[in-house]
Amino acid sequence: MKDKIIKSSGNVFDDLGFSKEEAAVLKMRADLMSKVRDSITKYGWTQSEAAMRLQISQSRVSDLIRGKRDKFSLDMLVMLATRAGNKVALEVFA
């Protein structure tokens, strides 16, 4: 039996069956976490250095690096991304 391949909508959370609203927030959180992790790697920060620069504890940096998205609100991730030197903007499409 062949597996059926289904084209992605572009949002894995939407594809997994989350409501449109929740899928949008989950995607934003995942994207922001990825950007912050990328910044930590780009600058070569240790977890201790990242904690100091992001103004959070080292254990929170560990949670961030390990992708524990349930531990971070969208607001917190916007702050962390900004502290990591990223510019954050929200776009809304019709």
PDB file of N, CA and C in Angstrom:
ATOM      1  N   MET A   1       0.843  -1.185   0.000  1.00  0.00           N
ATOM      2  CA  MET A   1       0.000   0.000   0.000  1.00  0.00           C
ATOM      3  C   MET A   1       0.883   1.241   0.000  1.00  0.00           C
ATOM      4  N   LYS A   2       0.589   2.185  -0.859  1.00  0.00           N
ATOM      5  CA  LYS A   2       1.345   3.424  -0.937  1.00  0.00           C
ATOM      6  C   LYS A   2       0.801   4.429   0.065  1.00  0.00           C
ATOM      7  N   ASP A   3       1.765   5.191   0.675  1.00  0.00           N
ATOM      8  CA  ASP A   3       1.353   6.274   1.551  1.00  0.00           C
ATOM      9  C   ASP A   3       0.842   7.438   0.715  1.00  0.00           C
ATOM     10  N   LYS A   4      -0.167   8.092   1.221  1.00  0.00           N
ATOM     11  CA  LYS A   4      -0.714   9.254   0.531  1.00  0.00           C
ATOM     12  C   LYS A   4       0.041  10.492   1.005  1.00  0.00           C
ATOM     13  N   ILE A   5       0.539  11.276   0.079  1.00  0.00           N
ATOM     14  CA  ILE A   5       1.257  12.505   0.412  1.00  0.00           C
ATOM     15  C   ILE A   5       0.288  13.664   0.294  1.00  0.00           C
ATOM     16  N   ILE A   6       0.233  14.447   1.365  1.00  0.00           N
ATOM     17  CA  ILE A   6      -0.662  15.596   1.402  1.00  0.00           C
ATOM     18  C   ILE A   6       0.192  16.857   1.453  1.00  0.00           C
ATOM     19  N   LYS A   7      -0.100  17.799   0.582  1.00  0.00           N
ATOM     20  CA  LYS A   7       0.643  19.055   0.533  1.00  0.00           C
ATOM     21  C   LYS A   7       0.371  19.867   1.803  1.00  0.00           C
ATOM     22  N   SER A   8       1.449  20.421   2.372  1.00  0.00           N
ATOM     23  CA  SER A   8       1.336  21.231   3.587  1.00  0.00           C
ATOM     24  C   SER A   8       0.678  22.571   3.286  1.00  0.00           C
ATOM     25  N   SER A   9       0.000  23.079   4.289  1.00  0.00           N
ATOM     26  CA  SER A   9      -0.609  24.404   4.173  1.00  0.00           C
ATOM     27  C   SER A   9       0.428  25.499   4.399  1.00  0.00           C
ATOM     28  N   GLY A  10       1.608  25.112   4.885  1.00  0.00           N
ATOM     29  CA  GLY A  10       2.639  26.088   5.240  1.00  0.00           C
ATOM     30  C   GLY A  10       2.717  26.307   6.740  1.00  0.00           C
ATOM     31  N   ASN A  11       1.773  25.733   7.473  1.00  0.00           N
ATOM     32  CA  ASN A  11       1.761  25.830   8.926  1.00  0.00           C
ATOM     33  C   ASN A  11       1.517  24.427   9.472  1.00  0.00           C
ATOM     34  N   VAL A  12       2.556  23.832  10.022  1.00  0.00           N
ATOM     35  CA  VAL A  12       2.454  22.454  10.512  1.00  0.00           C
ATOM     36  C   VAL A  12       1.363  22.317  11.575  1.00  0.00           C
ATOM     37  N   PHE A  13       1.159  23.349  12.375  1.00  0.00           N
ATOM     38  CA  PHE A  13       0.150  23.286  13.430  1.00  0.00           C
ATOM     39  C   PHE A  13      -1.261  23.253  12.838  1.00  0.00           C
ATOM     40  N   ASP A  14      -1.456  23.975  11.753  1.00  0.00           N
ATOM     41  CA  ASP A  14      -2.727  23.927  11.032  1.00  0.00           C
ATOM     42  C   ASP A  14      -2.925  22.524  10.453  1.00  0.00           C
ATOM     43  N   ASP A  15      -1.853  21.982   9.873  1.00  0.00           N
ATOM     44  CA  ASP A  15      -1.905  20.639   9.293  1.00  0.00           C
ATOM     45  C   ASP A  15      -2.206  19.579  10.352  1.00  0.00           C
ATOM     46  N   LEU A  16      -1.784  19.818  11.581  1.00  0.00           N
ATOM     47  CA  LEU A  16      -2.016  18.856  12.661  1.00  0.00           C
ATOM     48  C   LEU A  16      -3.419  18.946  13.250  1.00  0.00           C
ATOM     49  N   GLY A  17      -4.210  19.914  12.777  1.00  0.00           N
ATOM     50  CA  GLY A  17      -5.599  19.986  13.211  1.00  0.00           C
ATOM     51  C   GLY A  17      -5.917  21.009  14.282  1.00  0.00           C
ATOM     52  N   PHE A  18      -4.949  21.850  14.648  1.00  0.00           N
ATOM     53  CA  PHE A  18      -5.252  22.920  15.596  1.00  0.00           C
ATOM     54  C   PHE A  18      -6.196  23.907  14.923  1.00  0.00           C
ATOM     55  N   SER A  19      -6.959  24.634  15.723  1.00  0.00           N
ATOM     56  CA  SER A  19      -7.825  25.666  15.152  1.00  0.00           C
ATOM     57  C   SER A  19      -6.946  26.690  14.440  1.00  0.00           C
ATOM     58  N   LYS A  20      -7.516  27.411  13.501  1.00  0.00           N
ATOM     59  CA  LYS A  20      -6.752  28.428  12.751  1.00  0.00           C
ATOM     60  C   LYS A  20      -6.092  29.426  13.703  1.00  0.00           C
ATOM     61  N   GLU A  21      -6.828  29.836  14.731  1.00  0.00           N
ATOM     62  CA  GLU A  21      -6.314  30.831  15.670  1.00  0.00           C
ATOM     63  C   GLU A  21      -5.124  30.290  16.463  1.00  0.00           C
ATOM     64  N   GLU A  22      -5.301  29.094  17.013  1.00  0.00           N
ATOM     65  CA  GLU A  22      -4.235  28.492  17.809  1.00  0.00           C
ATOM     66  C   GLU A  22      -3.031  28.148  16.939  1.00  0.00           C
ATOM     67  N   ALA A  23      -3.262  27.672  15.735  1.00  0.00           N
ATOM     68  CA  ALA A  23      -2.174  27.335  14.816  1.00  0.00           C
ATOM     69  C   ALA A  23      -1.346  28.576  14.491  1.00  0.00           C
ATOM     70  N   ALA A  24      -2.003  29.724  14.324  1.00  0.00           N
ATOM     71  CA  ALA A  24      -1.287  30.968  14.019  1.00  0.00           C
ATOM     72  C   ALA A  24      -0.372  31.366  15.181  1.00  0.00           C
ATOM     73  N   VAL A  25      -0.886  31.285  16.402  1.00  0.00           N
ATOM     74  CA  VAL A  25      -0.088  31.647  17.576  1.00  0.00           C
ATOM     75  C   VAL A  25       1.062  30.657  17.774  1.00  0.00           C
ATOM     76  N   LEU A  26       0.785  29.371  17.631  1.00  0.00           N
ATOM     77  CA  LEU A  26       1.837  28.355  17.785  1.00  0.00           C
ATOM     78  C   LEU A  26       2.945  28.542  16.755  1.00  0.00           C
ATOM     79  N   LYS A  27       2.583  28.875  15.527  1.00  0.00           N
ATOM     80  CA  LYS A  27       3.584  29.108  14.495  1.00  0.00           C
ATOM     81  C   LYS A  27       4.428  30.327  14.826  1.00  0.00           C
ATOM     82  N   MET A  28       3.802  31.400  15.274  1.00  0.00           N
ATOM     83  CA  MET A  28       4.563  32.598  15.655  1.00  0.00           C
ATOM     84  C   MET A  28       5.533  32.283  16.785  1.00  0.00           C
ATOM     85  N   ARG A  29       5.061  31.550  17.775  1.00  0.00           N
ATOM     86  CA  ARG A  29       5.935  31.189  18.894  1.00  0.00           C
ATOM     87  C   ARG A  29       7.105  30.330  18.418  1.00  0.00           C
ATOM     88  N   ALA A  30       6.827  29.342  17.573  1.00  0.00           N
ATOM     89  CA  ALA A  30       7.891  28.473  17.062  1.00  0.00           C
ATOM     90  C   ALA A  30       8.901  29.272  16.233  1.00  0.00           C
ATOM     91  N   ASP A  31       8.411  30.171  15.399  1.00  0.00           N
ATOM     92  CA  ASP A  31       9.304  30.990  14.571  1.00  0.00           C
ATOM     93  C   ASP A  31      10.188  31.890  15.435  1.00  0.00           C
ATOM     94  N   LEU A  32       9.604  32.505  16.456  1.00  0.00           N
ATOM     95  CA  LEU A  32      10.387  33.370  17.334  1.00  0.00           C
ATOM     96  C   LEU A  32      11.424  32.575  18.122  1.00  0.00           C
ATOM     97  N   MET A  33      11.039  31.412  18.621  1.00  0.00           N
ATOM     98  CA  MET A  33      12.006  30.574  19.341  1.00  0.00           C
ATOM     99  C   MET A  33      13.177  30.219  18.434  1.00  0.00           C
ATOM    100  N   SER A  34      12.880  29.905  17.208  1.00  0.00           N
ATOM    101  CA  SER A  34      13.920  29.556  16.248  1.00  0.00           C
ATOM    102  C   SER A  34      14.863  30.734  16.012  1.00  0.00           C
ATOM    103  N   LYS A  35      14.322  31.924  15.880  1.00  0.00           N
ATOM    104  CA  LYS A  35      15.145  33.123  15.670  1.00  0.00           C
ATOM    105  C   LYS A  35      16.050  33.386  16.864  1.00  0.00           C
ATOM    106  N   VAL A  36      15.522  33.229  18.073  1.00  0.00           N
ATOM    107  CA  VAL A  36      16.337  33.464  19.264  1.00  0.00           C
ATOM    108  C   VAL A  36      17.452  32.420  19.339  1.00  0.00           C
ATOM    109  N   ARG A  37      17.121  31.158  19.084  1.00  0.00           N
ATOM    110  CA  ARG A  37      18.153  30.099  19.075  1.00  0.00           C
ATOM    111  C   ARG A  37      19.206  30.389  18.009  1.00  0.00           C
ATOM    112  N   ASP A  38      18.767  30.842  16.832  1.00  0.00           N
ATOM    113  CA  ASP A  38      19.709  31.193  15.762  1.00  0.00           C
ATOM    114  C   ASP A  38      20.648  32.316  16.204  1.00  0.00           C
ATOM    115  N   SER A  39      20.117  33.296  16.925  1.00  0.00           N
ATOM    116  CA  SER A  39      20.940  34.410  17.412  1.00  0.00           C
ATOM    117  C   SER A  39      21.976  33.914  18.418  1.00  0.00           C
ATOM    118  N   ILE A  40      21.574  33.037  19.308  1.00  0.00           N
ATOM    119  CA  ILE A  40      22.503  32.482  20.305  1.00  0.00           C
ATOM    120  C   ILE A  40      23.651  31.777  19.590  1.00  0.00           C
ATOM    121  N   THR A  41      23.324  31.004  18.571  1.00  0.00           N
ATOM    122  CA  THR A  41      24.344  30.295  17.789  1.00  0.00           C
ATOM    123  C   THR A  41      25.219  31.271  17.016  1.00  0.00           C
ATOM    124  N   LYS A  42      24.584  32.232  16.367  1.00  0.00           N
ATOM    125  CA  LYS A  42      25.302  33.221  15.552  1.00  0.00           C
ATOM    126  C   LYS A  42      26.350  33.962  16.376  1.00  0.00           C
ATOM    127  N   TYR A  43      25.985  34.366  17.578  1.00  0.00           N
ATOM    128  CA  TYR A  43      26.899  35.129  18.420  1.00  0.00           C
ATOM    129  C   TYR A  43      27.827  34.234  19.238  1.00  0.00           C
ATOM    130  N   GLY A  44      27.591  32.930  19.180  1.00  0.00           N
ATOM    131  CA  GLY A  44      28.445  31.995  19.902  1.00  0.00           C
ATOM    132  C   GLY A  44      28.314  32.090  21.418  1.00  0.00           C
ATOM    133  N   TRP A  45      27.137  32.495  21.879  1.00  0.00           N
ATOM    134  CA  TRP A  45      26.924  32.634  23.317  1.00  0.00           C
ATOM    135  C   TRP A  45      26.812  31.276  23.986  1.00  0.00           C
ATOM    136  N   THR A  46      27.410  31.156  25.150  1.00  0.00           N
ATOM    137  CA  THR A  46      27.137  30.003  26.000  1.00  0.00           C
ATOM    138  C   THR A  46      25.748  30.223  26.596  1.00  0.00           C
ATOM    139  N   GLN A  47      25.226  29.205  27.253  1.00  0.00           N
ATOM    140  CA  GLN A  47      23.921  29.388  27.903  1.00  0.00           C
ATOM    141  C   GLN A  47      23.994  30.464  28.978  1.00  0.00           C
ATOM    142  N   SER A  48      25.113  30.539  29.677  1.00  0.00           N
ATOM    143  CA  SER A  48      25.276  31.570  30.714  1.00  0.00           C
ATOM    144  C   SER A  48      25.312  32.963  30.100  1.00  0.00           C
ATOM    145  N   GLU A  49      26.045  33.112  28.998  1.00  0.00           N
ATOM    146  CA  GLU A  49      26.108  34.411  28.314  1.00  0.00           C
ATOM    147  C   GLU A  49      24.740  34.785  27.756  1.00  0.00           C
ATOM    148  N   ALA A  50      24.056  33.821  27.174  1.00  0.00           N
ATOM    149  CA  ALA A  50      22.719  34.077  26.626  1.00  0.00           C
ATOM    150  C   ALA A  50      21.774  34.509  27.743  1.00  0.00           C
ATOM    151  N   ALA A  51      21.861  33.855  28.884  1.00  0.00           N
ATOM    152  CA  ALA A  51      20.997  34.210  30.016  1.00  0.00           C
ATOM    153  C   ALA A  51      21.221  35.668  30.420  1.00  0.00           C
ATOM    154  N   MET A  52      22.496  36.067  30.486  1.00  0.00           N
ATOM    155  CA  MET A  52      22.817  37.438  30.876  1.00  0.00           C
ATOM    156  C   MET A  52      22.284  38.426  29.830  1.00  0.00           C
ATOM    157  N   ARG A  53      22.518  38.148  28.570  1.00  0.00           N
ATOM    158  CA  ARG A  53      22.105  39.068  27.503  1.00  0.00           C
ATOM    159  C   ARG A  53      20.590  39.108  27.313  1.00  0.00           C
ATOM    160  N   LEU A  54      19.932  37.974  27.524  1.00  0.00           N
ATOM    161  CA  LEU A  54      18.477  37.916  27.355  1.00  0.00           C
ATOM    162  C   LEU A  54      17.722  38.269  28.632  1.00  0.00           C
ATOM    163  N   GLN A  55      18.482  38.401  29.731  1.00  0.00           N
ATOM    164  CA  GLN A  55      17.913  38.778  31.038  1.00  0.00           C
ATOM    165  C   GLN A  55      16.933  37.730  31.557  1.00  0.00           C
ATOM    166  N   ILE A  56      17.340  36.461  31.409  1.00  0.00           N
ATOM    167  CA  ILE A  56      16.574  35.342  31.940  1.00  0.00           C
ATOM    168  C   ILE A  56      17.551  34.370  32.597  1.00  0.00           C
ATOM    169  N   SER A  57      17.040  33.380  33.304  1.00  0.00           N
ATOM    170  CA  SER A  57      17.915  32.406  33.955  1.00  0.00           C
ATOM    171  C   SER A  57      18.493  31.424  32.931  1.00  0.00           C
ATOM    172  N   GLN A  58      19.589  30.785  33.314  1.00  0.00           N
ATOM    173  CA  GLN A  58      20.214  29.797  32.444  1.00  0.00           C
ATOM    174  C   GLN A  58      19.262  28.631  32.187  1.00  0.00           C
ATOM    175  N   SER A  59      18.460  28.268  33.168  1.00  0.00           N
ATOM    176  CA  SER A  59      17.510  27.170  32.967  1.00  0.00           C
ATOM    177  C   SER A  59      16.446  27.539  31.928  1.00  0.00           C
ATOM    178  N   ARG A  60      16.074  28.819  31.864  1.00  0.00           N
ATOM    179  CA  ARG A  60      15.124  29.274  30.840  1.00  0.00           C
ATOM    180  C   ARG A  60      15.764  29.230  29.452  1.00  0.00           C
ATOM    181  N   VAL A  61      17.071  29.551  29.387  1.00  0.00           N
ATOM    182  CA  VAL A  61      17.791  29.442  28.109  1.00  0.00           C
ATOM    183  C   VAL A  61      17.782  27.982  27.658  1.00  0.00           C
ATOM    184  N   SER A  62      18.013  27.080  28.586  1.00  0.00           N
ATOM    185  CA  SER A  62      17.990  25.651  28.278  1.00  0.00           C
ATOM    186  C   SER A  62      16.621  25.249  27.727  1.00  0.00           C
ATOM    187  N   ASP A  63      15.547  25.722  28.365  1.00  0.00           N
ATOM    188  CA  ASP A  63      14.196  25.436  27.879  1.00  0.00           C
ATOM    189  C   ASP A  63      14.007  25.965  26.457  1.00  0.00           C
ATOM    190  N   LEU A  64      14.527  27.151  26.208  1.00  0.00           N
ATOM    191  CA  LEU A  64      14.421  27.773  24.891  1.00  0.00           C
ATOM    192  C   LEU A  64      15.164  26.945  23.842  1.00  0.00           C
ATOM    193  N   ILE A  65      16.376  26.568  24.146  1.00  0.00           N
ATOM    194  CA  ILE A  65      17.194  25.794  23.211  1.00  0.00           C
ATOM    195  C   ILE A  65      16.574  24.426  22.945  1.00  0.00           C
ATOM    196  N   ARG A  66      15.957  23.851  23.952  1.00  0.00           N
ATOM    197  CA  ARG A  66      15.337  22.531  23.811  1.00  0.00           C
ATOM    198  C   ARG A  66      13.951  22.598  23.190  1.00  0.00           C
ATOM    199  N   GLY A  67      13.492  23.811  22.848  1.00  0.00           N
ATOM    200  CA  GLY A  67      12.226  23.962  22.129  1.00  0.00           C
ATOM    201  C   GLY A  67      10.983  23.767  22.959  1.00  0.00           C
ATOM    202  N   LYS A  68      11.060  24.028  24.236  1.00  0.00           N
ATOM    203  CA  LYS A  68       9.893  23.858  25.107  1.00  0.00           C
ATOM    204  C   LYS A  68       8.966  25.068  24.969  1.00  0.00           C
ATOM    205  N   ARG A  69       8.249  25.092  23.844  1.00  0.00           N
ATOM    206  CA  ARG A  69       7.440  26.262  23.514  1.00  0.00           C
ATOM    207  C   ARG A  69       6.324  26.525  24.508  1.00  0.00           C
ATOM    208  N   ASP A  70       5.862  25.500  25.205  1.00  0.00           N
ATOM    209  CA  ASP A  70       4.788  25.693  26.171  1.00  0.00           C
ATOM    210  C   ASP A  70       5.232  26.520  27.374  1.00  0.00           C
ATOM    211  N   LYS A  71       6.541  26.723  27.532  1.00  0.00           N
ATOM    212  CA  LYS A  71       7.057  27.480  28.674  1.00  0.00           C
ATOM    213  C   LYS A  71       7.231  28.970  28.367  1.00  0.00           C
ATOM    214  N   PHE A  72       6.924  29.378  27.116  1.00  0.00           N
ATOM    215  CA  PHE A  72       7.134  30.765  26.718  1.00  0.00           C
ATOM    216  C   PHE A  72       5.887  31.337  26.055  1.00  0.00           C
ATOM    217  N   SER A  73       5.458  32.487  26.550  1.00  0.00           N
ATOM    218  CA  SER A  73       4.334  33.182  25.928  1.00  0.00           C
ATOM    219  C   SER A  73       4.836  33.900  24.675  1.00  0.00           C
ATOM    220  N   LEU A  74       3.921  34.273  23.831  1.00  0.00           N
ATOM    221  CA  LEU A  74       4.268  35.040  22.646  1.00  0.00           C
ATOM    222  C   LEU A  74       4.919  36.358  23.044  1.00  0.00           C
ATOM    223  N   ASP A  75       4.379  37.016  24.085  1.00  0.00           N
ATOM    224  CA  ASP A  75       4.951  38.278  24.568  1.00  0.00           C
ATOM    225  C   ASP A  75       6.412  38.099  24.990  1.00  0.00           C
ATOM    226  N   MET A  76       6.684  37.049  25.753  1.00  0.00           N
ATOM    227  CA  MET A  76       8.043  36.805  26.229  1.00  0.00           C
ATOM    228  C   MET A  76       8.986  36.542  25.060  1.00  0.00           C
ATOM    229  N   LEU A  77       8.533  35.789  24.077  1.00  0.00           N
ATOM    230  CA  LEU A  77       9.383  35.491  22.927  1.00  0.00           C
ATOM    231  C   LEU A  77       9.674  36.731  22.100  1.00  0.00           C
ATOM    232  N   VAL A  78       8.721  37.653  22.004  1.00  0.00           N
ATOM    233  CA  VAL A  78       8.971  38.928  21.316  1.00  0.00           C
ATOM    234  C   VAL A  78      10.060  39.687  22.070  1.00  0.00           C
ATOM    235  N   MET A  79       9.975  39.732  23.400  1.00  0.00           N
ATOM    236  CA  MET A  79      11.006  40.420  24.200  1.00  0.00           C
ATOM    237  C   MET A  79      12.375  39.769  24.023  1.00  0.00           C
ATOM    238  N   LEU A  80      12.423  38.439  24.061  1.00  0.00           N
ATOM    239  CA  LEU A  80      13.696  37.732  23.926  1.00  0.00           C
ATOM    240  C   LEU A  80      14.298  37.938  22.544  1.00  0.00           C
ATOM    241  N   ALA A  81      13.472  37.888  21.517  1.00  0.00           N
ATOM    242  CA  ALA A  81      13.967  38.097  20.156  1.00  0.00           C
ATOM    243  C   ALA A  81      14.552  39.505  20.012  1.00  0.00           C
ATOM    244  N   THR A  82      13.892  40.476  20.603  1.00  0.00           N
ATOM    245  CA  THR A  82      14.376  41.856  20.561  1.00  0.00           C
ATOM    246  C   THR A  82      15.680  41.992  21.334  1.00  0.00           C
ATOM    247  N   ARG A  83      15.750  41.402  22.517  1.00  0.00           N
ATOM    248  CA  ARG A  83      16.982  41.439  23.311  1.00  0.00           C
ATOM    249  C   ARG A  83      18.139  40.750  22.606  1.00  0.00           C
ATOM    250  N   ALA A  84      17.820  39.797  21.747  1.00  0.00           N
ATOM    251  CA  ALA A  84      18.846  39.070  20.990  1.00  0.00           C
ATOM    252  C   ALA A  84      19.266  39.833  19.731  1.00  0.00           C
ATOM    253  N   GLY A  85      18.710  41.026  19.542  1.00  0.00           N
ATOM    254  CA  GLY A  85      19.121  41.867  18.421  1.00  0.00           C
ATOM    255  C   GLY A  85      18.269  41.762  17.175  1.00  0.00           C
ATOM    256  N   ASN A  86      17.148  41.086  17.276  1.00  0.00           N
ATOM    257  CA  ASN A  86      16.249  40.951  16.132  1.00  0.00           C
ATOM    258  C   ASN A  86      15.214  42.072  16.133  1.00  0.00           C
ATOM    259  N   LYS A  87      14.741  42.428  14.955  1.00  0.00           N
ATOM    260  CA  LYS A  87      13.611  43.357  14.834  1.00  0.00           C
ATOM    261  C   LYS A  87      12.381  42.487  14.639  1.00  0.00           C
ATOM    262  N   VAL A  88      11.359  42.716  15.432  1.00  0.00           N
ATOM    263  CA  VAL A  88      10.152  41.896  15.375  1.00  0.00           C
ATOM    264  C   VAL A  88       9.007  42.753  14.836  1.00  0.00           C
ATOM    265  N   ALA A  89       8.280  42.204  13.871  1.00  0.00           N
ATOM    266  CA  ALA A  89       7.124  42.904  13.295  1.00  0.00           C
ATOM    267  C   ALA A  89       6.029  41.865  13.068  1.00  0.00           C
ATOM    268  N   LEU A  90       4.824  42.318  13.119  1.00  0.00           N
ATOM    269  CA  LEU A  90       3.662  41.465  12.874  1.00  0.00           C
ATOM    270  C   LEU A  90       3.028  41.892  11.557  1.00  0.00           C
ATOM    271  N   GLU A  91       2.781  40.922  10.701  1.00  0.00           N
ATOM    272  CA  GLU A  91       2.106  41.199   9.435  1.00  0.00           C
ATOM    273  C   GLU A  91       0.774  40.481   9.449  1.00  0.00           C
ATOM    274  N   VAL A  92      -0.240  41.154   8.972  1.00  0.00           N
ATOM    275  CA  VAL A  92      -1.576  40.552   8.876  1.00  0.00           C
ATOM    276  C   VAL A  92      -1.992  40.616   7.408  1.00  0.00           C
ATOM    277  N   PHE A  93      -2.419  39.460   6.888  1.00  0.00           N
ATOM    278  CA  PHE A  93      -2.843  39.383   5.507  1.00  0.00           C
ATOM    279  C   PHE A  93      -4.334  39.062   5.457  1.00  0.00           C
ATOM    280  N   ALA A  94      -4.998  39.592   4.479  1.00  0.00           N
ATOM    281  CA  ALA A  94      -6.425  39.327   4.319  1.00  0.00           C
ATOM    282  C   ALA A  94      -6.654  37.989   3.671  1.00  0.00           C
TER     283      ALA A  94
END
